[in-house]
Amino acid sequence: MEARVTSQSQPFRLIQRMEEAKVLHGQELRADVPNVRVTALAGSGEGQALFCNIGPIRVREVLQRGDDCPLPTNVMLQGLEVPIAGTYDIFNARVSSNGEIELVVDDKTWLVPAVNSTGSTAHTRFLKCARARIVTRGAQRARSQSLPC
């Protein structure tokens, strides 16, 4: 599913993290953007990106210098395709901030399911939960309170 920015994406959180990383208006760079959540939009094969719990941005390389103007407030996302809904760390994304903020996942970018504080990913928890339900239903012992999710 391809993710896009919606009115619920909280792009101001991405902008805050860019300001913390000292990203300038007009700058183009490569950066790591951790903890971007992707949820499925009902009734479509599309997803929405959520920046509410985004982690600190790590600038890898500055491709073009910027200026002292304020960062744009409009955010556009290109190329973020994920197999399932979940939280992802985006490594080496191309980020530009001239006219609008563009976060581009291209052939130099890679995605990794984000690891939470317990050391597991959302995908791991999903699979464990699905297996537990299959086992308990198959054995006629469906006890939802005993499932790990």
N, C-alpha and C. Protein backbone atom coordinates (compact mmCIF):
# COMPACT_ATOMS: atom_id res chain seq x y z
N MET A 1 0.85 -1.18 0.00
CA MET A 1 0.00 0.00 0.00
C MET A 1 0.89 1.23 0.00
N GLU A 2 0.49 2.20 -0.78
CA GLU A 2 1.25 3.45 -0.84
C GLU A 2 0.66 4.45 0.15
N ALA A 3 1.52 5.04 0.94
CA ALA A 3 1.08 5.99 1.96
C ALA A 3 1.12 7.41 1.42
N ARG A 4 0.20 8.21 1.91
CA ARG A 4 0.16 9.63 1.55
C ARG A 4 -0.13 10.45 2.79
N VAL A 5 0.08 11.74 2.66
CA VAL A 5 -0.20 12.67 3.76
C VAL A 5 -1.67 13.05 3.69
N THR A 6 -2.34 13.00 4.84
CA THR A 6 -3.75 13.40 4.94
C THR A 6 -3.87 14.50 5.99
N SER A 7 -5.09 14.96 6.19
CA SER A 7 -5.32 15.99 7.21
C SER A 7 -5.05 15.47 8.62
N GLN A 8 -5.04 14.14 8.79
CA GLN A 8 -4.78 13.55 10.11
C GLN A 8 -3.31 13.18 10.32
N SER A 9 -2.46 13.45 9.35
CA SER A 9 -1.06 13.03 9.41
C SER A 9 -0.22 13.81 10.42
N GLN A 10 -0.68 14.94 10.88
CA GLN A 10 0.05 15.81 11.79
C GLN A 10 1.41 16.22 11.22
N PRO A 11 1.40 16.86 10.04
CA PRO A 11 2.67 17.26 9.42
C PRO A 11 3.46 18.25 10.27
N PHE A 12 2.80 18.95 11.18
CA PHE A 12 3.52 19.89 12.05
C PHE A 12 4.57 19.17 12.89
N ARG A 13 4.35 17.87 13.19
CA ARG A 13 5.34 17.11 13.97
C ARG A 13 6.60 16.87 13.13
N LEU A 14 6.42 16.60 11.84
CA LEU A 14 7.57 16.46 10.95
C LEU A 14 8.33 17.78 10.87
N ILE A 15 7.61 18.87 10.76
CA ILE A 15 8.24 20.19 10.68
C ILE A 15 9.02 20.49 11.97
N GLN A 16 8.42 20.16 13.13
CA GLN A 16 9.12 20.36 14.41
C GLN A 16 10.43 19.58 14.44
N ARG A 17 10.37 18.34 14.01
CA ARG A 17 11.59 17.50 14.01
C ARG A 17 12.62 18.03 13.02
N MET A 18 12.16 18.58 11.89
CA MET A 18 13.10 19.17 10.94
C MET A 18 13.77 20.40 11.54
N GLU A 19 13.01 21.22 12.27
CA GLU A 19 13.58 22.39 12.93
C GLU A 19 14.60 21.97 13.98
N GLU A 20 14.29 20.92 14.75
CA GLU A 20 15.23 20.41 15.75
C GLU A 20 16.54 19.95 15.11
N ALA A 21 16.44 19.39 13.90
CA ALA A 21 17.62 18.91 13.17
C ALA A 21 18.32 20.03 12.40
N LYS A 22 17.83 21.26 12.56
CA LYS A 22 18.41 22.44 11.90
C LYS A 22 18.32 22.38 10.37
N VAL A 23 17.23 21.80 9.87
CA VAL A 23 16.99 21.79 8.43
C VAL A 23 16.50 23.18 8.04
N LEU A 24 17.05 23.71 6.95
CA LEU A 24 16.73 25.07 6.52
C LEU A 24 15.78 25.07 5.32
N HIS A 25 15.08 26.19 5.15
CA HIS A 25 14.24 26.39 3.97
C HIS A 25 15.13 26.33 2.73
N GLY A 26 14.65 25.67 1.69
CA GLY A 26 15.39 25.58 0.44
C GLY A 26 16.47 24.51 0.43
N GLN A 27 16.66 23.85 1.55
CA GLN A 27 17.69 22.84 1.65
C GLN A 27 17.19 21.52 1.05
N GLU A 28 18.10 20.77 0.46
CA GLU A 28 17.81 19.41 0.03
C GLU A 28 18.84 18.51 0.68
N LEU A 29 18.38 17.39 1.23
CA LEU A 29 19.28 16.54 2.00
C LEU A 29 18.82 15.10 1.99
N ARG A 30 19.68 14.25 2.50
CA ARG A 30 19.36 12.85 2.77
C ARG A 30 19.29 12.72 4.29
N ALA A 31 18.23 12.06 4.76
CA ALA A 31 18.03 11.96 6.21
C ALA A 31 17.32 10.68 6.59
N ASP A 32 17.50 10.29 7.85
CA ASP A 32 16.77 9.18 8.44
C ASP A 32 15.58 9.75 9.19
N VAL A 33 14.41 9.18 8.93
CA VAL A 33 13.17 9.65 9.55
C VAL A 33 12.55 8.46 10.29
N PRO A 34 12.74 8.38 11.62
CA PRO A 34 12.28 7.21 12.35
C PRO A 34 10.83 7.31 12.83
N ASN A 35 10.23 6.15 12.97
CA ASN A 35 8.95 6.00 13.64
C ASN A 35 7.78 6.66 12.90
N VAL A 36 7.71 6.44 11.60
CA VAL A 36 6.58 6.93 10.81
C VAL A 36 5.55 5.81 10.75
N ARG A 37 4.36 6.11 11.20
CA ARG A 37 3.30 5.10 11.23
C ARG A 37 2.48 5.18 9.95
N VAL A 38 2.14 4.02 9.41
CA VAL A 38 1.30 3.94 8.22
C VAL A 38 0.07 3.12 8.58
N THR A 39 -1.09 3.70 8.35
CA THR A 39 -2.36 3.00 8.59
C THR A 39 -3.11 2.90 7.27
N ALA A 40 -3.93 1.87 7.15
CA ALA A 40 -4.72 1.67 5.94
C ALA A 40 -5.92 2.60 5.96
N LEU A 41 -6.21 3.18 4.81
CA LEU A 41 -7.43 3.99 4.67
C LEU A 41 -8.57 3.06 4.28
N ALA A 42 -9.67 3.14 4.99
CA ALA A 42 -10.80 2.25 4.77
C ALA A 42 -11.31 2.35 3.33
N GLY A 43 -11.58 1.20 2.75
CA GLY A 43 -12.18 1.17 1.43
C GLY A 43 -11.24 1.45 0.28
N SER A 44 -9.93 1.42 0.53
CA SER A 44 -8.99 1.67 -0.57
C SER A 44 -7.70 0.89 -0.31
N GLY A 45 -6.87 0.83 -1.31
CA GLY A 45 -5.57 0.19 -1.16
C GLY A 45 -4.51 1.17 -0.73
N GLU A 46 -4.93 2.37 -0.33
CA GLU A 46 -3.98 3.41 0.08
C GLU A 46 -3.81 3.42 1.59
N GLY A 47 -2.73 4.05 2.00
CA GLY A 47 -2.48 4.23 3.41
C GLY A 47 -2.23 5.70 3.71
N GLN A 48 -2.25 6.02 4.98
CA GLN A 48 -1.91 7.39 5.38
C GLN A 48 -0.71 7.33 6.31
N ALA A 49 0.19 8.27 6.14
CA ALA A 49 1.35 8.39 7.00
C ALA A 49 0.98 9.26 8.20
N LEU A 50 1.40 8.82 9.37
CA LEU A 50 1.15 9.58 10.60
C LEU A 50 2.49 9.93 11.23
N PHE A 51 2.69 11.22 11.46
CA PHE A 51 3.96 11.71 12.01
C PHE A 51 3.88 12.01 13.50
N CYS A 52 2.78 11.63 14.16
CA CYS A 52 2.56 12.02 15.55
C CYS A 52 3.66 11.53 16.49
N ASN A 53 4.22 10.36 16.27
CA ASN A 53 5.26 9.83 17.16
C ASN A 53 6.63 9.76 16.50
N ILE A 54 6.84 10.60 15.51
CA ILE A 54 8.09 10.60 14.77
C ILE A 54 9.27 10.89 15.70
N GLY A 55 10.36 10.19 15.47
CA GLY A 55 11.55 10.39 16.28
C GLY A 55 12.43 11.50 15.72
N PRO A 56 13.56 11.76 16.37
CA PRO A 56 14.48 12.79 15.88
C PRO A 56 15.02 12.44 14.49
N ILE A 57 15.09 13.43 13.64
CA ILE A 57 15.60 13.25 12.28
C ILE A 57 17.13 13.33 12.31
N ARG A 58 17.75 12.41 11.61
CA ARG A 58 19.22 12.40 11.51
C ARG A 58 19.60 12.78 10.08
N VAL A 59 20.28 13.89 9.94
CA VAL A 59 20.73 14.34 8.62
C VAL A 59 21.97 13.54 8.25
N ARG A 60 21.93 12.89 7.09
CA ARG A 60 23.07 12.11 6.59
C ARG A 60 23.97 12.93 5.68
N GLU A 61 23.33 13.71 4.78
CA GLU A 61 24.10 14.44 3.78
C GLU A 61 23.29 15.64 3.31
N VAL A 62 23.93 16.78 3.22
CA VAL A 62 23.30 17.98 2.67
C VAL A 62 23.64 18.04 1.19
N LEU A 63 22.61 18.03 0.34
CA LEU A 63 22.79 18.04 -1.11
C LEU A 63 22.77 19.46 -1.66
N GLN A 64 21.99 20.32 -1.01
CA GLN A 64 21.88 21.72 -1.43
C GLN A 64 21.67 22.58 -0.20
N ARG A 65 22.41 23.67 -0.11
CA ARG A 65 22.29 24.57 1.05
C ARG A 65 20.98 25.32 1.00
N GLY A 66 20.54 25.78 2.17
CA GLY A 66 19.29 26.52 2.28
C GLY A 66 19.50 27.95 2.70
N ASP A 67 18.40 28.58 3.13
CA ASP A 67 18.45 29.97 3.59
C ASP A 67 17.74 30.10 4.93
N ASP A 68 17.56 31.31 5.40
CA ASP A 68 16.97 31.55 6.72
C ASP A 68 15.46 31.75 6.70
N CYS A 69 14.80 31.54 5.58
CA CYS A 69 13.34 31.67 5.53
C CYS A 69 12.69 30.55 6.34
N PRO A 70 11.45 30.75 6.78
CA PRO A 70 10.77 29.69 7.54
C PRO A 70 10.49 28.47 6.65
N LEU A 71 10.44 27.31 7.30
CA LEU A 71 10.11 26.08 6.57
C LEU A 71 8.67 26.15 6.06
N PRO A 72 8.40 25.55 4.91
CA PRO A 72 7.02 25.50 4.42
C PRO A 72 6.15 24.67 5.37
N THR A 73 4.86 24.85 5.29
CA THR A 73 3.94 24.11 6.16
C THR A 73 3.23 22.97 5.45
N ASN A 74 3.30 22.93 4.12
CA ASN A 74 2.69 21.85 3.37
C ASN A 74 3.69 20.71 3.20
N VAL A 75 3.24 19.47 3.43
CA VAL A 75 4.11 18.30 3.33
C VAL A 75 3.58 17.36 2.27
N MET A 76 4.47 16.89 1.41
CA MET A 76 4.13 15.91 0.38
C MET A 76 5.01 14.69 0.56
N LEU A 77 4.45 13.52 0.38
CA LEU A 77 5.15 12.26 0.55
C LEU A 77 5.11 11.51 -0.77
N GLN A 78 6.25 11.01 -1.22
CA GLN A 78 6.31 10.27 -2.47
C GLN A 78 7.02 8.94 -2.26
N GLY A 79 6.46 7.88 -2.83
CA GLY A 79 7.15 6.60 -2.91
C GLY A 79 7.15 5.74 -1.67
N LEU A 80 6.40 6.09 -0.64
CA LEU A 80 6.39 5.26 0.57
C LEU A 80 5.38 4.14 0.38
N GLU A 81 5.88 2.97 -0.01
CA GLU A 81 5.04 1.79 -0.19
C GLU A 81 5.44 0.75 0.84
N VAL A 82 4.45 0.25 1.58
CA VAL A 82 4.69 -0.73 2.63
C VAL A 82 3.80 -1.95 2.42
N PRO A 83 4.24 -3.13 2.87
CA PRO A 83 3.44 -4.33 2.66
C PRO A 83 2.20 -4.40 3.56
N ILE A 84 2.35 -3.90 4.79
CA ILE A 84 1.22 -3.89 5.73
C ILE A 84 1.30 -2.62 6.57
N ALA A 85 0.18 -2.30 7.19
CA ALA A 85 0.17 -1.16 8.11
C ALA A 85 1.13 -1.43 9.26
N GLY A 86 1.76 -0.39 9.75
CA GLY A 86 2.71 -0.53 10.85
C GLY A 86 3.54 0.72 11.00
N THR A 87 4.55 0.64 11.83
CA THR A 87 5.44 1.77 12.07
C THR A 87 6.80 1.44 11.46
N TYR A 88 7.34 2.40 10.72
CA TYR A 88 8.57 2.17 9.96
C TYR A 88 9.61 3.24 10.24
N ASP A 89 10.87 2.83 10.19
CA ASP A 89 11.99 3.76 10.16
C ASP A 89 12.40 3.90 8.70
N ILE A 90 12.51 5.14 8.24
CA ILE A 90 12.87 5.42 6.85
C ILE A 90 14.31 5.91 6.85
N PHE A 91 15.17 5.20 6.15
CA PHE A 91 16.59 5.54 6.11
C PHE A 91 16.98 6.13 4.76
N ASN A 92 17.74 7.21 4.81
CA ASN A 92 18.31 7.86 3.64
C ASN A 92 17.24 8.41 2.68
N ALA A 93 16.17 8.93 3.23
CA ALA A 93 15.13 9.57 2.41
C ALA A 93 15.64 10.90 1.88
N ARG A 94 15.15 11.27 0.71
CA ARG A 94 15.48 12.60 0.17
C ARG A 94 14.45 13.58 0.70
N VAL A 95 14.92 14.63 1.32
CA VAL A 95 14.04 15.63 1.91
C VAL A 95 14.40 16.98 1.29
N SER A 96 13.39 17.68 0.79
CA SER A 96 13.62 19.03 0.29
C SER A 96 12.56 19.95 0.90
N SER A 97 12.89 21.21 1.00
CA SER A 97 12.01 22.14 1.71
C SER A 97 11.91 23.48 1.00
N ASN A 98 11.60 23.44 -0.28
CA ASN A 98 11.45 24.67 -1.04
C ASN A 98 10.05 24.72 -1.62
N GLY A 99 9.19 25.63 -1.14
CA GLY A 99 7.80 25.71 -1.58
C GLY A 99 6.90 24.80 -0.78
N GLU A 100 7.29 23.53 -0.66
CA GLU A 100 6.64 22.58 0.24
C GLU A 100 7.71 21.58 0.67
N ILE A 101 7.44 20.91 1.77
CA ILE A 101 8.37 19.89 2.24
C ILE A 101 8.07 18.62 1.47
N GLU A 102 9.08 18.08 0.83
CA GLU A 102 8.93 16.82 0.11
C GLU A 102 9.77 15.75 0.80
N LEU A 103 9.12 14.67 1.18
CA LEU A 103 9.78 13.51 1.75
C LEU A 103 9.66 12.41 0.70
N VAL A 104 10.80 12.04 0.10
CA VAL A 104 10.78 11.12 -1.03
C VAL A 104 11.51 9.83 -0.68
N VAL A 105 10.81 8.72 -0.88
CA VAL A 105 11.41 7.40 -0.76
C VAL A 105 11.78 6.97 -2.17
N ASP A 106 13.09 6.85 -2.44
CA ASP A 106 13.54 6.51 -3.79
C ASP A 106 14.45 5.28 -3.74
N ASP A 107 15.18 5.04 -4.82
CA ASP A 107 16.02 3.85 -4.92
C ASP A 107 17.21 3.86 -3.96
N LYS A 108 17.51 4.98 -3.33
CA LYS A 108 18.60 5.06 -2.36
C LYS A 108 18.08 4.98 -0.92
N THR A 109 16.78 4.81 -0.78
CA THR A 109 16.12 4.79 0.53
C THR A 109 15.73 3.36 0.89
N TRP A 110 15.78 3.03 2.18
CA TRP A 110 15.29 1.73 2.62
C TRP A 110 14.44 1.90 3.86
N LEU A 111 13.52 0.95 4.04
CA LEU A 111 12.57 0.96 5.17
C LEU A 111 12.82 -0.24 6.06
N VAL A 112 12.65 -0.03 7.36
CA VAL A 112 12.77 -1.10 8.33
C VAL A 112 11.60 -0.96 9.30
N PRO A 113 10.90 -2.06 9.63
CA PRO A 113 9.87 -1.94 10.66
C PRO A 113 10.49 -1.41 11.95
N ALA A 114 9.86 -0.41 12.54
CA ALA A 114 10.39 0.23 13.75
C ALA A 114 10.31 -0.73 14.93
N VAL A 115 11.31 -0.66 15.80
CA VAL A 115 11.36 -1.48 17.01
C VAL A 115 10.87 -0.64 18.17
N ASN A 116 9.96 -1.20 18.98
CA ASN A 116 9.45 -0.44 20.13
C ASN A 116 10.32 -0.67 21.36
N SER A 117 9.91 -0.14 22.50
CA SER A 117 10.71 -0.21 23.72
C SER A 117 10.87 -1.63 24.25
N THR A 118 10.00 -2.57 23.84
CA THR A 118 10.13 -3.96 24.30
C THR A 118 11.03 -4.77 23.38
N GLY A 119 11.50 -4.13 22.29
CA GLY A 119 12.40 -4.81 21.38
C GLY A 119 11.71 -5.55 20.25
N SER A 120 10.40 -5.41 20.14
CA SER A 120 9.70 -6.08 19.05
C SER A 120 9.11 -5.05 18.10
N THR A 121 8.75 -5.52 16.92
CA THR A 121 8.12 -4.65 15.95
C THR A 121 6.63 -4.86 15.96
N ALA A 122 5.90 -3.93 15.38
CA ALA A 122 4.45 -4.09 15.27
C ALA A 122 4.13 -5.33 14.46
N HIS A 123 4.96 -5.64 13.47
CA HIS A 123 4.72 -6.82 12.63
C HIS A 123 4.87 -8.09 13.46
N THR A 124 5.88 -8.15 14.32
CA THR A 124 6.08 -9.31 15.18
C THR A 124 4.90 -9.50 16.11
N ARG A 125 4.43 -8.41 16.73
CA ARG A 125 3.28 -8.50 17.63
C ARG A 125 2.05 -8.96 16.87
N PHE A 126 1.85 -8.46 15.64
CA PHE A 126 0.71 -8.86 14.83
C PHE A 126 0.75 -10.35 14.54
N LEU A 127 1.92 -10.86 14.14
CA LEU A 127 2.04 -12.27 13.81
C LEU A 127 1.85 -13.16 15.03
N LYS A 128 2.42 -12.76 16.19
CA LYS A 128 2.23 -13.52 17.42
C LYS A 128 0.76 -13.58 17.78
N CYS A 129 0.09 -12.45 17.68
CA CYS A 129 -1.33 -12.37 18.01
C CYS A 129 -2.14 -13.26 17.07
N ALA A 130 -1.86 -13.20 15.77
CA ALA A 130 -2.59 -14.00 14.79
C ALA A 130 -2.37 -15.48 15.06
N ARG A 131 -1.13 -15.90 15.35
CA ARG A 131 -0.85 -17.30 15.65
C ARG A 131 -1.57 -17.74 16.91
N ALA A 132 -1.58 -16.90 17.94
CA ALA A 132 -2.25 -17.25 19.19
C ALA A 132 -3.75 -17.45 18.96
N ARG A 133 -4.34 -16.61 18.15
CA ARG A 133 -5.78 -16.76 17.87
C ARG A 133 -6.06 -18.06 17.11
N ILE A 134 -5.21 -18.38 16.15
CA ILE A 134 -5.40 -19.61 15.38
C ILE A 134 -5.28 -20.82 16.30
N VAL A 135 -4.26 -20.85 17.14
CA VAL A 135 -4.05 -21.97 18.05
C VAL A 135 -5.22 -22.10 19.01
N THR A 136 -5.63 -21.00 19.64
CA THR A 136 -6.71 -21.11 20.63
C THR A 136 -8.05 -21.44 19.98
N ARG A 137 -8.32 -20.91 18.80
CA ARG A 137 -9.57 -21.24 18.12
C ARG A 137 -9.56 -22.68 17.65
N GLY A 138 -8.40 -23.13 17.13
CA GLY A 138 -8.28 -24.50 16.63
C GLY A 138 -8.48 -25.52 17.74
N ALA A 139 -8.11 -25.17 18.93
CA ALA A 139 -8.24 -26.08 20.08
C ALA A 139 -9.53 -25.83 20.85
N GLN A 140 -10.43 -25.01 20.28
CA GLN A 140 -11.70 -24.69 20.93
C GLN A 140 -11.51 -24.04 22.29
N ARG A 141 -10.43 -23.28 22.45
CA ARG A 141 -10.17 -22.58 23.71
C ARG A 141 -9.96 -21.10 23.46
N ALA A 142 -10.83 -20.47 22.75
CA ALA A 142 -10.66 -19.05 22.42
C ALA A 142 -10.86 -18.20 23.66
N ARG A 143 -9.76 -17.77 24.25
CA ARG A 143 -9.82 -16.89 25.41
C ARG A 143 -9.08 -15.61 25.07
N SER A 144 -9.81 -14.60 24.64
CA SER A 144 -9.18 -13.39 24.17
C SER A 144 -8.34 -12.69 25.25
N GLN A 145 -8.70 -12.85 26.54
CA GLN A 145 -7.93 -12.18 27.58
C GLN A 145 -6.55 -12.77 27.74
N SER A 146 -6.30 -13.97 27.24
CA SER A 146 -4.98 -14.58 27.41
C SER A 146 -4.07 -14.31 26.22
N LEU A 147 -4.58 -13.64 25.19
CA LEU A 147 -3.77 -13.38 24.01
C LEU A 147 -2.79 -12.24 24.29
N PRO A 148 -1.63 -12.26 23.62
CA PRO A 148 -0.59 -11.27 23.89
C PRO A 148 -0.82 -9.91 23.26
N CYS A 149 -1.94 -9.67 22.59
CA CYS A 149 -2.12 -8.38 21.92
C CYS A 149 -3.38 -7.67 22.37
